[in-house]
């Protein structure tokens, strides 16, 4: 099992991780401060690897 934190406004990164099989399992509000957008959320993304 693996987790990643991906800034919600980074649509390209979110799409890439989803293409690789990760799912958004949670949101951390106002986790990062963007210099233009202000405080933005981050997604907790998860993928379970099976043997």
Protein backbone atom coordinates (compact mmCIF):
# COMPACT_ATOMS: atom_id res chain seq x y z
CA UNK A 1 0.00 0.00 0.00
CA UNK A 2 1.27 3.47 -0.83
CA UNK A 3 0.07 7.01 -0.22
CA UNK A 4 0.89 10.31 -1.93
CA UNK A 5 0.04 13.91 -1.13
CA UNK A 6 -0.90 15.88 -4.26
CA UNK A 7 -1.86 19.57 -4.32
CA UNK A 8 -5.46 19.80 -5.53
CA UNK A 9 -4.75 22.60 -8.02
CA UNK A 10 -2.08 20.53 -9.79
CA UNK A 11 -4.52 18.94 -12.22
CA UNK A 12 -1.80 17.29 -14.32
CA UNK A 13 -0.32 15.51 -11.30
CA UNK A 14 -3.74 14.41 -10.03
CA UNK A 15 -4.59 13.02 -13.49
CA UNK A 16 -1.25 11.20 -13.72
CA UNK A 17 -1.61 9.51 -10.33
CA UNK A 18 -5.18 8.50 -11.18
CA UNK A 19 -3.98 7.07 -14.50
CA UNK A 20 -1.45 5.04 -12.51
CA UNK A 21 -4.29 3.57 -10.42
CA UNK A 22 -4.32 5.83 -7.37
CA UNK A 23 -7.58 7.04 -5.81
CA UNK A 24 -8.31 10.16 -3.79
CA UNK A 25 -9.12 8.93 -0.28
CA UNK A 26 -9.12 12.25 1.56
CA UNK A 27 -8.58 15.98 1.41
CA UNK A 28 -6.50 18.09 3.75
CA UNK A 29 -7.92 21.62 3.65
CA UNK A 30 -5.58 24.60 3.24
CA UNK A 31 -2.48 22.41 3.40
CA UNK A 32 -0.33 24.57 1.11
CA UNK A 33 0.03 28.27 0.44
CA UNK A 34 0.09 29.05 -3.29
CA UNK A 35 1.60 32.44 -4.11
CA UNK A 36 -1.30 33.34 -6.46
CA UNK A 37 -4.24 31.23 -5.26
CA UNK A 38 -3.61 31.48 -1.53
CA UNK A 39 -4.27 28.45 0.61
CA UNK A 40 -5.06 25.32 -1.39
CA UNK A 41 -6.07 21.80 -0.41
CA UNK A 42 -4.04 18.65 -0.88
CA UNK A 43 -5.39 15.25 -1.80
CA UNK A 44 -4.30 12.08 -0.09
CA UNK A 45 -4.03 9.49 -2.84
CA UNK A 46 -3.80 5.75 -2.25
CA UNK A 47 -3.00 2.59 -4.14
CA UNK A 48 -2.92 -0.94 -2.75
CA UNK A 49 -0.33 -3.27 -4.23
CA UNK A 50 -1.14 -6.97 -4.12
CA UNK A 51 1.41 -9.77 -4.31
